[in-house]
């Protein structure tokens, strides 16, 4: 029950609650804003469901779901060569975003995958990616410590960041352990480059400079602690100290290749001599989870992916405090962390009708969110061989193929004003035009040969005003500005027929900045 303590505290304010003995329904606006943060996008059905059950029950149901999957791929293609075809996986990914019920699990899994990057840009075998994705799916609502261990021992990660077959030093061969994974495990996945206060602001030294979280000596010691792991044994193969790459299963330790000397790692934690590879890994992960910077570092990135690119220090601190201790002394409880992110007063501040959103709050719909939200709102059906993933690709975000270990865009990217806005790193004049082209194709043409959209709910409105109101309900949290509403009505009344009017209004709305930016 500890997972739901934060929900129970806030349920009186957010969701279906009791007030003076009466049940009060969530407003359309509150429900739509919540679903824009917690799912791939609101639909008429999902809005009605959330409004009926409230946030508490909705979260409980989502935490219990584990339904989405990606199909395993053959190791070899029809020509008997290594299979690098990612298209069936990308196709299934977008089918899941549009249709499968475990929406929150998918969103959190995708957010985690943008931090714990493995990319087909360098890892070619397509069959490596469904097992890797399942680690995010299966651990999204578990404990961050379990996420750390599962991904560290993933053979896909072992290949991508050189932990697989990373042997102890051999003076005779003048070799030393590869430090790549040890460095990224700290820099990108847990503590970050610089020490952080609980609110995510940097710790500064006497000269007002950021204080690093680790030194080169700590990187080297951590790399030594992580030696001795190799790929799983492929079927019909014999185990070796250094197995060839195989991506089903989990890496396992080979003590003969593990550095058993004493080490000092992050936080001044001492590892005595004579310990096993498994013991050293557990000590490293425990030290990283406990390190004070981990909670704000991880919490801020999750907030940025789910709710807002520019969370206040107070928001970060509230979530980080739950990450550090869920109320029962447990650190890294992802259900508690996700609940804290989505029910925080800052996330829910603009839920009330008539409230004015903070102009610095929210985020742009990154390409995957843009495409998925558009498809869900337009009641799309993705047929066999759907290629809607190409629309996300054309906007600079190819699923499972981020260009660098820093993912699709830099988490440190800021606007000219200095405000954090990582997703704008891949937003250009060309992709802005392409977004409009995708909307145009969806409404007036076709996205591909099998994807169909259904405008019937928009066409069934009694008049143009009601139709535009329904567009606002589905896509803009029932909070369309007066100028945009007037523009949509003007476009709709300039044409004849319910379908043409719906197309015209939708085009105006879906190409607007009010839709592109989630607040």
Protein backbone atom coordinates (compact mmCIF):
# COMPACT_ATOMS: atom_id res chain seq x y z
CA UNK A 1 0.00 0.00 0.00
CA UNK A 2 2.96 2.35 0.35
CA UNK A 3 2.92 2.82 -3.42
CA UNK A 4 -0.37 4.68 -3.18
CA UNK A 5 0.21 6.88 -0.15
CA UNK A 6 0.93 9.94 -2.26
CA UNK A 7 -2.17 9.31 -4.34
CA UNK A 8 -4.42 8.98 -1.32
CA UNK A 9 -3.13 12.28 0.02
CA UNK A 10 -3.96 14.11 -3.20
CA UNK A 11 -7.06 12.28 -4.34
CA UNK A 12 -9.28 14.75 -2.50
CA UNK A 13 -8.02 17.42 -4.86
CA UNK A 14 -7.21 15.58 -8.08
CA UNK A 15 -9.72 13.18 -9.56
CA UNK A 16 -12.98 11.72 -8.39
CA UNK A 17 -13.37 12.83 -4.78
CA UNK A 18 -15.86 13.55 -2.06
CA UNK A 19 -16.82 17.10 -1.22
CA UNK A 20 -19.61 17.84 1.24
CA UNK A 21 -20.90 14.30 0.72
CA UNK A 22 -21.11 14.66 -3.05
CA UNK A 23 -19.00 12.99 -5.74
CA UNK A 24 -17.25 15.60 -7.89
CA UNK A 25 -16.19 14.67 -11.40
CA UNK A 26 -12.85 15.72 -12.85
CA UNK A 27 -13.22 18.48 -15.40
CA UNK A 28 -12.50 17.78 -19.05
CA UNK A 29 -9.48 20.02 -18.77
CA UNK A 30 -8.02 18.26 -15.74
CA UNK A 31 -8.50 14.82 -17.28
CA UNK A 32 -7.00 15.81 -20.63
CA UNK A 33 -3.96 17.47 -19.07
CA UNK A 34 -3.30 14.43 -16.91
CA UNK A 35 -3.58 12.03 -19.85
CA UNK A 36 -1.27 14.17 -21.97
CA UNK A 37 1.35 13.65 -19.27
CA UNK A 38 0.65 10.00 -18.43
CA UNK A 39 -0.24 8.45 -21.81
CA UNK A 40 0.51 8.79 -25.52
CA UNK A 41 -2.43 11.16 -25.72
CA UNK A 42 -6.06 11.51 -24.60
CA UNK A 43 -8.92 9.97 -26.54
CA UNK A 44 -12.62 10.42 -25.98
CA UNK A 45 -12.79 6.98 -24.37
CA UNK A 46 -9.77 7.44 -22.13
CA UNK A 47 -11.03 10.84 -21.00
CA UNK A 48 -14.38 9.39 -20.05
CA UNK A 49 -12.75 6.51 -18.21
CA UNK A 50 -10.44 8.75 -16.18
CA UNK A 51 -13.27 11.11 -15.32
CA UNK A 52 -15.36 8.18 -14.14
CA UNK A 53 -12.78 6.48 -11.90
CA UNK A 54 -10.42 9.31 -10.90
CA UNK A 55 -6.64 9.49 -10.78
CA UNK A 56 -6.15 7.11 -7.87
CA UNK A 57 -8.03 4.20 -9.41
CA UNK A 58 -6.64 4.96 -12.87
CA UNK A 59 -3.05 4.80 -11.61
CA UNK A 60 -3.72 1.60 -9.69
CA UNK A 61 -5.10 -0.02 -12.83
CA UNK A 62 -2.18 1.16 -14.95
CA UNK A 63 0.37 -0.11 -12.43
CA UNK A 64 -1.23 -3.55 -12.70
CA UNK A 65 -1.12 -3.71 -16.52
CA UNK A 66 1.75 -5.39 -18.35
CA UNK A 67 0.38 -6.02 -21.82
CA UNK A 68 2.47 -4.34 -24.51
CA UNK A 69 5.25 -6.24 -26.22
CA UNK A 70 7.52 -6.13 -29.23
CA UNK A 71 7.89 -9.22 -31.42
CA UNK A 72 11.12 -11.18 -31.27
CA UNK A 73 13.07 -10.97 -34.50
CA UNK A 74 15.02 -13.68 -36.34
CA UNK A 75 18.78 -13.60 -35.97
CA UNK A 76 19.24 -14.21 -39.69
CA UNK A 77 17.20 -12.86 -42.58
CA UNK A 78 15.78 -14.82 -45.49
CA UNK A 79 19.14 -14.67 -47.25
CA UNK A 80 20.89 -16.22 -44.27
CA UNK A 81 22.67 -12.99 -43.36
CA UNK A 82 22.57 -11.10 -40.08
CA UNK A 83 19.15 -9.46 -39.72
CA UNK A 84 19.31 -5.73 -39.15
CA UNK A 85 15.75 -4.92 -40.19
CA UNK A 86 14.22 -2.79 -37.44
CA UNK A 87 10.98 -1.99 -39.26
CA UNK A 88 8.82 -4.76 -37.68
CA UNK A 89 9.89 -3.51 -34.24
CA UNK A 90 9.20 0.14 -35.06
CA UNK A 91 5.83 -0.83 -36.54
CA UNK A 92 4.87 -2.74 -33.39
CA UNK A 93 6.06 0.10 -31.16
CA UNK A 94 3.66 2.60 -32.74
CA UNK A 95 0.83 0.06 -32.84
CA UNK A 96 1.28 -0.24 -29.07
CA UNK A 97 1.28 3.52 -28.50
CA UNK A 98 -2.00 3.91 -30.35
CA UNK A 99 -3.97 0.87 -29.22
CA UNK A 100 -2.57 -1.00 -26.20
CA UNK A 101 -3.96 -0.22 -22.74
CA UNK A 102 -0.75 -0.04 -20.68
CA UNK A 103 -0.24 3.58 -21.68
CA UNK A 104 1.54 4.77 -18.54
CA UNK A 105 3.93 1.81 -18.51
CA UNK A 106 4.84 2.55 -22.14
CA UNK A 107 5.44 6.24 -21.44
CA UNK A 108 7.67 5.54 -18.44
CA UNK A 109 9.51 2.80 -20.32
CA UNK A 110 10.17 5.15 -23.22
CA UNK A 111 11.38 7.86 -20.84
CA UNK A 112 13.80 5.40 -19.24
CA UNK A 113 15.01 4.22 -22.64
CA UNK A 114 15.92 7.80 -23.50
CA UNK A 115 18.22 7.84 -20.49
CA UNK A 116 19.59 4.28 -20.71
CA UNK A 117 20.41 4.48 -24.41
CA UNK A 118 21.21 1.56 -26.68
CA UNK A 119 21.11 2.44 -30.37
CA UNK A 120 20.80 0.51 -33.60
CA UNK A 121 23.19 3.10 -35.01
CA UNK A 122 26.00 0.88 -33.74
CA UNK A 123 24.21 -2.23 -32.41
CA UNK A 124 23.02 -3.78 -35.65
CA UNK A 125 21.20 -7.05 -34.81
CA UNK A 126 17.47 -6.36 -34.75
CA UNK A 127 16.83 -9.29 -32.42
CA UNK A 128 18.71 -7.49 -29.63
CA UNK A 129 16.04 -4.82 -29.18
CA UNK A 130 12.79 -6.56 -28.10
CA UNK A 131 14.53 -8.20 -25.09
CA UNK A 132 16.13 -4.87 -24.21
CA UNK A 133 12.77 -3.05 -24.42
CA UNK A 134 11.15 -5.61 -22.14
CA UNK A 135 13.57 -4.65 -19.39
CA UNK A 136 12.05 -1.16 -19.36
CA UNK A 137 8.52 -2.49 -19.65
CA UNK A 138 8.90 -5.04 -16.86
CA UNK A 139 10.79 -2.74 -14.46
CA UNK A 140 9.07 0.58 -15.15
CA UNK A 141 7.02 0.31 -11.94
CA UNK A 142 9.54 -1.64 -9.89
CA UNK A 143 12.60 -0.26 -8.15
CA UNK A 144 15.26 1.87 -9.81
CA UNK A 145 17.90 -0.39 -8.29
CA UNK A 146 16.42 -3.31 -10.24
CA UNK A 147 16.41 -1.18 -13.39
CA UNK A 148 20.09 -0.41 -12.85
CA UNK A 149 21.02 -4.07 -12.49
CA UNK A 150 18.83 -5.39 -15.29
CA UNK A 151 20.19 -2.90 -17.81
CA UNK A 152 23.78 -3.26 -16.64
CA UNK A 153 23.59 -6.99 -17.31
CA UNK A 154 21.74 -6.64 -20.60
CA UNK A 155 23.86 -8.05 -23.43
CA UNK A 156 22.63 -5.18 -25.63
CA UNK A 157 24.01 -2.64 -23.17
CA UNK A 158 27.08 -4.83 -22.71
CA UNK A 159 27.82 -4.46 -26.40
CA UNK A 160 26.83 -0.80 -26.78
CA UNK A 161 28.96 0.51 -23.91
CA UNK A 162 31.67 -2.16 -23.86
CA UNK A 163 30.96 -3.95 -20.60
CA UNK A 164 30.60 -7.39 -22.20
CA UNK A 165 33.96 -9.22 -22.27
CA UNK A 166 35.56 -6.39 -20.32
CA UNK A 167 38.40 -8.26 -18.64
CA UNK A 168 40.67 -7.38 -15.74
CA UNK A 169 44.03 -5.79 -16.53
CA UNK A 170 46.71 -8.01 -18.04
CA UNK A 171 50.18 -6.53 -17.49
CA UNK A 172 51.73 -9.05 -19.86
CA UNK A 173 49.51 -7.78 -22.68
CA UNK A 174 49.55 -4.17 -21.45
CA UNK A 175 45.74 -4.09 -21.29
CA UNK A 176 43.39 -2.34 -18.87
CA UNK A 177 39.63 -2.53 -18.33
CA UNK A 178 37.47 -0.50 -20.68
CA UNK A 179 36.04 2.47 -18.74
CA UNK A 180 33.18 3.34 -21.06
CA UNK A 181 30.31 1.75 -19.16
CA UNK A 182 31.65 2.74 -15.74
CA UNK A 183 31.73 6.38 -16.83
CA UNK A 184 28.29 6.44 -18.47
CA UNK A 185 26.72 4.50 -15.60
CA UNK A 186 27.58 7.45 -13.41
CA UNK A 187 27.36 10.38 -15.82
CA UNK A 188 24.13 9.49 -17.62
CA UNK A 189 22.26 6.86 -15.64
CA UNK A 190 22.61 7.77 -11.96
CA UNK A 191 24.56 10.64 -10.39
CA UNK A 192 25.42 13.00 -13.26
CA UNK A 193 28.63 14.92 -13.77
CA UNK A 194 28.24 17.35 -10.88
CA UNK A 195 26.94 17.03 -7.34
CA UNK A 196 23.35 18.17 -6.89
CA UNK A 197 21.32 19.50 -4.03
CA UNK A 198 17.96 17.81 -3.41
CA UNK A 199 16.27 20.41 -5.66
CA UNK A 200 18.55 19.62 -8.60
CA UNK A 201 20.67 22.76 -8.34
CA UNK A 202 24.46 22.26 -8.42
CA UNK A 203 26.62 22.11 -5.33
CA UNK A 204 29.24 24.87 -5.65
CA UNK A 205 32.72 25.13 -4.20
CA UNK A 206 34.28 28.21 -2.62
CA UNK A 207 35.03 29.59 -6.09
CA UNK A 208 31.42 29.15 -7.18
CA UNK A 209 32.27 26.25 -9.47
CA UNK A 210 30.26 23.01 -9.66
CA UNK A 211 31.66 20.15 -7.61
CA UNK A 212 32.21 16.96 -9.67
CA UNK A 213 30.52 13.79 -8.48
CA UNK A 214 33.48 11.58 -9.30
CA UNK A 215 37.13 11.64 -10.34
CA UNK A 216 39.07 9.71 -12.93
CA UNK A 217 40.33 7.45 -10.16
CA UNK A 218 36.74 6.56 -9.28
CA UNK A 219 35.97 5.84 -12.95
CA UNK A 220 38.95 3.50 -13.13
CA UNK A 221 38.04 1.77 -9.86
CA UNK A 222 34.43 1.34 -10.99
CA UNK A 223 35.57 -0.12 -14.32
CA UNK A 224 37.70 -2.63 -12.41
CA UNK A 225 34.72 -3.51 -10.21
CA UNK A 226 32.64 -4.22 -13.33
CA UNK A 227 35.08 -6.59 -15.02
CA UNK A 228 34.41 -10.25 -15.65
CA UNK A 229 31.01 -10.29 -17.40
CA UNK A 230 30.35 -12.00 -20.71
CA UNK A 231 27.48 -12.62 -23.09
CA UNK A 232 24.94 -15.38 -22.48
CA UNK A 233 25.79 -18.71 -24.09
CA UNK A 234 24.07 -19.12 -27.44
CA UNK A 235 22.19 -22.37 -28.10
CA UNK A 236 24.47 -25.28 -29.01
CA UNK A 237 27.56 -23.24 -28.08
CA UNK A 238 30.14 -24.00 -25.40
CA UNK A 239 30.70 -21.40 -22.67
CA UNK A 240 33.93 -19.43 -22.82
CA UNK A 241 35.56 -16.75 -20.70
CA UNK A 242 34.65 -14.34 -23.49
CA UNK A 243 31.55 -15.52 -25.32
CA UNK A 244 30.62 -14.13 -28.73
CA UNK A 245 27.72 -11.69 -28.80
CA UNK A 246 24.30 -13.20 -28.12
CA UNK A 247 21.37 -10.99 -27.09
CA UNK A 248 18.79 -13.25 -25.47
CA UNK A 249 19.17 -13.66 -21.71
CA UNK A 250 21.47 -11.94 -19.24
CA UNK A 251 25.21 -11.59 -19.06
CA UNK A 252 26.94 -13.78 -16.47
CA UNK A 253 30.19 -13.49 -14.56
CA UNK A 254 33.51 -15.25 -15.19
CA UNK A 255 35.57 -14.92 -12.04
CA UNK A 256 38.84 -15.62 -13.86
CA UNK A 257 38.37 -12.32 -15.72
CA UNK A 258 37.27 -10.27 -12.69
CA UNK A 259 39.59 -7.88 -10.86
CA UNK A 260 39.48 -9.00 -7.23
CA UNK A 261 41.81 -6.32 -5.85
CA UNK A 262 40.54 -3.72 -3.38
CA UNK A 263 38.84 -0.63 -4.83
CA UNK A 264 37.42 2.71 -3.67
CA UNK A 265 34.35 3.84 -5.59
CA UNK A 266 31.87 6.72 -5.45
CA UNK A 267 30.93 8.04 -2.03
CA UNK A 268 34.21 6.74 -0.60
CA UNK A 269 32.83 3.21 -0.51
CA UNK A 270 35.62 0.66 -0.11
CA UNK A 271 35.43 -2.73 -1.79
CA UNK A 272 37.78 -5.22 -0.09
CA UNK A 273 39.96 -7.61 -2.00
CA UNK A 274 38.75 -11.09 -2.83
CA UNK A 275 35.14 -10.20 -3.70
CA UNK A 276 33.28 -11.69 -6.65
CA UNK A 277 32.06 -9.92 -9.77
CA UNK A 278 28.47 -10.20 -8.51
CA UNK A 279 29.40 -8.75 -5.12
CA UNK A 280 31.29 -5.87 -6.71
CA UNK A 281 28.39 -5.07 -9.04
CA UNK A 282 25.92 -5.02 -6.16
CA UNK A 283 28.22 -2.76 -4.13
CA UNK A 284 28.58 -0.33 -7.03
CA UNK A 285 24.83 -0.19 -7.66
CA UNK A 286 24.03 0.22 -3.96
CA UNK A 287 26.52 3.08 -3.70
CA UNK A 288 25.10 4.82 -6.75
CA UNK A 289 21.49 4.49 -5.60
CA UNK A 290 22.44 5.88 -2.19
CA UNK A 291 24.52 8.77 -3.54
CA UNK A 292 22.67 12.07 -2.83
CA UNK A 293 22.76 13.29 -6.45
CA UNK A 294 20.99 10.25 -7.88
CA UNK A 295 17.51 11.14 -6.63
CA UNK A 296 17.37 14.68 -8.08
CA UNK A 297 19.27 13.69 -11.24
CA UNK A 298 16.92 10.84 -12.19
CA UNK A 299 13.79 12.58 -10.91
CA UNK A 300 14.37 15.71 -12.98
CA UNK A 301 14.81 13.73 -16.19
CA UNK A 302 11.63 11.76 -15.59
CA UNK A 303 9.73 15.00 -14.90
CA UNK A 304 11.10 16.49 -18.12
CA UNK A 305 9.97 13.54 -20.23
CA UNK A 306 6.51 13.22 -18.67
CA UNK A 307 5.40 16.69 -17.59
CA UNK A 308 7.60 19.75 -18.15
CA UNK A 309 11.03 20.54 -19.53
CA UNK A 310 11.55 23.28 -16.97
CA UNK A 311 10.42 22.01 -13.55
CA UNK A 312 10.95 24.33 -10.62
CA UNK A 313 13.58 23.38 -8.04
CA UNK A 314 10.74 22.81 -5.56
CA UNK A 315 9.06 20.33 -7.92
CA UNK A 316 12.32 18.44 -8.40
CA UNK A 317 12.94 18.35 -4.66
CA UNK A 318 9.46 17.02 -3.86
CA UNK A 319 9.86 14.17 -6.33
CA UNK A 320 13.49 13.53 -5.35
CA UNK A 321 12.47 13.20 -1.72
CA UNK A 322 10.07 10.40 -2.72
CA UNK A 323 12.79 8.80 -4.83
CA UNK A 324 15.13 8.87 -1.82
CA UNK A 325 12.47 7.55 0.58
CA UNK A 326 8.99 6.46 -0.43
CA UNK A 327 7.75 6.85 3.13
CA UNK A 328 8.76 3.39 4.29
CA UNK A 329 12.52 3.82 3.99
CA UNK A 330 12.80 2.45 0.44
CA UNK A 331 14.74 4.36 -2.20
CA UNK A 332 14.01 4.11 -5.91
CA UNK A 333 10.35 3.03 -5.66
CA UNK A 334 9.20 3.83 -9.20
CA UNK A 335 5.47 3.61 -8.50
CA UNK A 336 5.85 6.18 -5.77
CA UNK A 337 8.08 8.37 -7.97
CA UNK A 338 5.73 8.28 -10.96
CA UNK A 339 2.79 9.04 -8.70
CA UNK A 340 4.65 11.97 -7.18
CA UNK A 341 5.51 13.35 -10.63
CA UNK A 342 1.97 13.15 -11.97
CA UNK A 343 0.11 14.33 -8.88
CA UNK A 344 2.50 17.10 -7.85
CA UNK A 345 0.84 20.49 -7.35
CA UNK A 346 3.00 21.94 -10.12
CA UNK A 347 1.85 19.28 -12.58
CA UNK A 348 -1.79 19.84 -11.66
CA UNK A 349 -1.64 23.62 -11.22
CA UNK A 350 -3.44 24.48 -14.49
CA UNK A 351 -6.17 21.83 -14.17
CA UNK A 352 -8.90 24.18 -12.98
CA UNK A 353 -11.11 25.79 -15.60
CA UNK A 354 -10.15 29.42 -16.04
CA UNK A 355 -6.63 29.01 -14.68
CA UNK A 356 -3.85 30.51 -16.78
CA UNK A 357 -0.98 28.08 -17.50
CA UNK A 358 2.50 29.22 -16.62
CA UNK A 359 4.04 30.13 -20.02
CA UNK A 360 7.32 28.51 -18.92
CA UNK A 361 5.62 25.25 -17.99
CA UNK A 362 5.25 22.22 -20.22
CA UNK A 363 7.16 20.88 -23.19
CA UNK A 364 6.99 20.55 -26.95
CA UNK A 365 5.62 17.29 -28.26
CA UNK A 366 8.76 15.43 -29.27
CA UNK A 367 8.24 13.53 -32.56
CA UNK A 368 7.17 10.18 -31.06
CA UNK A 369 4.64 11.96 -28.82
CA UNK A 370 3.44 14.14 -31.70
CA UNK A 371 2.79 11.21 -34.03
CA UNK A 372 1.21 8.99 -31.38
CA UNK A 373 -1.00 11.76 -29.99
CA UNK A 374 -2.15 12.73 -33.48
CA UNK A 375 -3.06 9.13 -34.32
CA UNK A 376 -4.91 8.52 -31.06
CA UNK A 377 -6.88 11.75 -31.28
CA UNK A 378 -7.89 11.02 -34.88
CA UNK A 379 -9.08 7.52 -33.97
CA UNK A 380 -6.48 5.91 -36.22
CA UNK A 381 -6.29 2.24 -37.11
CA UNK A 382 -2.84 0.98 -38.06
CA UNK A 383 -3.09 -1.81 -40.58
CA UNK A 384 -0.50 -4.46 -41.47
CA UNK A 385 2.73 -2.92 -42.64
CA UNK A 386 1.91 0.53 -41.31
CA UNK A 387 4.84 2.90 -41.78
CA UNK A 388 3.82 5.75 -39.48
CA UNK A 389 7.20 5.33 -37.78
CA UNK A 390 8.62 7.11 -40.83
CA UNK A 391 6.76 10.25 -39.78
CA UNK A 392 8.63 10.27 -36.47
CA UNK A 393 11.86 9.48 -38.32
CA UNK A 394 11.36 12.49 -40.60
CA UNK A 395 11.08 14.71 -37.53
CA UNK A 396 14.44 13.57 -36.16
CA UNK A 397 13.43 10.78 -33.78
CA UNK A 398 13.88 7.25 -35.09
CA UNK A 399 12.76 4.81 -32.41
CA UNK A 400 15.64 2.60 -31.17
CA UNK A 401 18.14 4.63 -33.21
CA UNK A 402 19.21 7.67 -31.16
CA UNK A 403 22.36 9.14 -32.72
CA UNK A 404 24.46 9.21 -29.55
CA UNK A 405 24.60 7.89 -26.00
CA UNK A 406 22.97 11.21 -25.03
CA UNK A 407 19.79 10.01 -26.82
CA UNK A 408 17.83 11.85 -29.48
CA UNK A 409 18.45 15.28 -28.00
CA UNK A 410 20.73 16.65 -25.33
CA UNK A 411 19.18 16.72 -21.85
CA UNK A 412 21.14 19.96 -21.33
CA UNK A 413 19.74 21.83 -24.35
CA UNK A 414 18.26 25.25 -23.57
CA UNK A 415 16.42 27.97 -25.45
CA UNK A 416 18.14 31.26 -26.20
CA UNK A 417 16.57 32.58 -23.01
CA UNK A 418 18.44 29.90 -21.06
CA UNK A 419 15.33 27.89 -20.16
CA UNK A 420 15.74 24.11 -20.35
CA UNK A 421 13.99 22.66 -23.41
CA UNK A 422 15.78 19.46 -24.46
CA UNK A 423 13.26 18.45 -27.13
CA UNK A 424 13.90 21.68 -29.07
CA UNK A 425 17.39 20.38 -29.83
CA UNK A 426 15.95 18.50 -32.84
CA UNK A 427 13.36 21.12 -33.82
CA UNK A 428 14.28 22.97 -37.01
CA UNK A 429 12.57 25.00 -39.72
CA UNK A 430 12.48 21.85 -41.83
CA UNK A 431 10.89 19.67 -39.14
CA UNK A 432 8.38 22.45 -38.35
CA UNK A 433 7.21 22.32 -41.97
CA UNK A 434 7.22 18.52 -41.88
CA UNK A 435 4.89 18.53 -38.87
CA UNK A 436 2.36 20.50 -40.90
CA UNK A 437 2.85 18.11 -43.82
CA UNK A 438 2.09 15.13 -41.58
CA UNK A 439 -1.10 16.77 -40.33
CA UNK A 440 -2.10 17.55 -43.92
CA UNK A 441 -1.45 13.96 -45.02
CA UNK A 442 -3.44 12.55 -42.10
CA UNK A 443 -6.45 14.79 -42.78
CA UNK A 444 -6.51 15.15 -46.56
CA UNK A 445 -4.48 12.25 -47.89
CA UNK A 446 -2.97 9.21 -46.25
CA UNK A 447 -0.07 8.54 -43.92
CA UNK A 448 0.57 5.19 -45.59
CA UNK A 449 -1.31 2.45 -47.46
CA UNK A 450 -2.93 0.85 -44.42
CA UNK A 451 -3.30 3.51 -41.71
CA UNK A 452 -6.85 4.87 -41.55
CA UNK A 453 -8.23 7.74 -39.50
CA UNK A 454 -11.84 8.19 -38.45
CA UNK A 455 -13.25 11.72 -38.29
CA UNK A 456 -16.78 10.52 -37.57
CA UNK A 457 -16.89 11.89 -33.98
CA UNK A 458 -15.92 15.34 -35.30
CA UNK A 459 -18.38 15.17 -38.19
CA UNK A 460 -21.28 14.27 -35.91
CA UNK A 461 -21.24 17.60 -34.09
CA UNK A 462 -24.50 19.54 -34.42
CA UNK A 463 -22.82 22.70 -35.73
CA UNK A 464 -19.39 24.22 -36.34
CA UNK A 465 -19.16 25.71 -32.85
CA UNK A 466 -19.82 22.30 -31.29
CA UNK A 467 -17.34 20.62 -33.64
CA UNK A 468 -14.57 23.06 -32.77
CA UNK A 469 -15.42 22.59 -29.11
CA UNK A 470 -14.98 18.83 -29.56
CA UNK A 471 -11.60 19.41 -31.26
CA UNK A 472 -10.59 21.46 -28.24
CA UNK A 473 -11.81 18.68 -25.93
CA UNK A 474 -9.73 15.99 -27.65
CA UNK A 475 -6.55 17.89 -28.49
CA UNK A 476 -6.29 21.04 -26.35
CA UNK A 477 -7.51 20.13 -22.86
CA UNK A 478 -10.73 22.03 -23.61
CA UNK A 479 -8.66 25.19 -23.33
CA UNK A 480 -8.44 26.63 -26.84
CA UNK A 481 -7.59 30.31 -26.96
CA UNK A 482 -10.14 32.72 -28.42
CA UNK A 483 -7.96 33.68 -31.45
CA UNK A 484 -7.35 30.03 -32.34
CA UNK A 485 -11.03 29.19 -31.89
CA UNK A 486 -12.00 32.05 -34.19
CA UNK A 487 -9.46 30.91 -36.80
CA UNK A 488 -10.74 27.32 -36.67
CA UNK A 489 -14.37 28.41 -36.98
CA UNK A 490 -13.50 30.74 -39.89
CA UNK A 491 -11.70 27.92 -41.72
CA UNK A 492 -14.56 25.49 -41.11
CA UNK A 493 -17.33 27.84 -42.24
CA UNK A 494 -15.45 28.60 -45.46
CA UNK A 495 -16.12 25.07 -46.75
CA UNK A 496 -19.18 22.90 -47.17
CA UNK A 497 -19.94 19.52 -45.63
CA UNK A 498 -19.29 18.07 -42.18
CA UNK A 499 -16.13 16.23 -43.20
CA UNK A 500 -14.57 19.21 -44.96
CA UNK A 501 -15.41 21.45 -42.01
CA UNK A 502 -13.84 19.00 -39.55
CA UNK A 503 -10.73 18.73 -41.72
CA UNK A 504 -10.36 22.50 -41.96
CA UNK A 505 -10.77 23.09 -38.24
CA UNK A 506 -8.46 20.23 -37.31
CA UNK A 507 -5.76 21.45 -39.67
CA UNK A 508 -5.79 24.91 -38.10
CA UNK A 509 -5.64 23.48 -34.57
CA UNK A 510 -3.13 20.67 -35.12
CA UNK A 511 -0.61 22.95 -36.83
CA UNK A 512 -0.88 25.59 -34.11
CA UNK A 513 1.65 26.23 -31.38
CA UNK A 514 -1.10 25.59 -28.84
CA UNK A 515 -1.14 21.96 -29.94
CA UNK A 516 2.60 21.56 -30.44
CA UNK A 517 3.32 22.72 -26.89
CA UNK A 518 1.81 20.68 -24.04
CA UNK A 519 0.96 22.80 -21.00
